[in-house]
Amino acid sequence: MSESNLVTGDNLMLESARYLFVIDDDPVQTEMIKDYLKERYVFNLKEYADGETALRDLDKLKPEMVVLDFHLNSNNKGAKNGIDVLKAIKKQSPGTKVIMFTGEDNINIALESMRNGAYDYIIKGETAFNKMENTVNRLGEMHRLEAVNTAQKRTILFLSISIGIIVVLAILYALFGSP
């Protein structure tokens, strides 16, 4: 992927690859999430068993969205929890939308997630994948509108500069005549 065919503005990819990270230390859950999203969306899905590895790829791949579990230390007791990873993601890439997807039905964790920048907090259960689909659809539409808005702002800037140059040339022509 070359820089020449990539137009970005803080995770707003107008061309090229769109990434979605799935960060969950449960391989069965990760596979279910990945399969569900792959059937419905055209994202390049990257899966991670811990937040530390995902954070290393964050700057390089600039994911549009991250599905993040709260408990990430079942296999690695020293791994950061989901809130710590969420804080790091929002610090490193503020435009990345994070969906907390966890079995933790705890209002305090939900509130802390939202305070730290999570877009949504979904509790794993029988309706969780439908909720995730709705959230991803909303975020996809938001992303599309933000990308269109960015493109329109660039067009307006270009047109404003062009009109300014034409006006200056017209004034110079009026003052000094033709060469």
Foldseek 3Di string as FASTA:
>chain_A
DDPVQFDDDLLLTPDDAAAEEEEALDVVVQVVLVVLDVVPDDHDYHYHLALVVVLVCCVVRVHQEYEAEQDSPPPPVPTHGRLVSLLSNCVVRVNRAYEYEYQDPDVVVQVSSVVSHHPYYAHDDDCRSVVVVVVVVVSVVVSVVVNVVVVVVVVVVVVVVVVVVVVVVVVVCVVPNDD
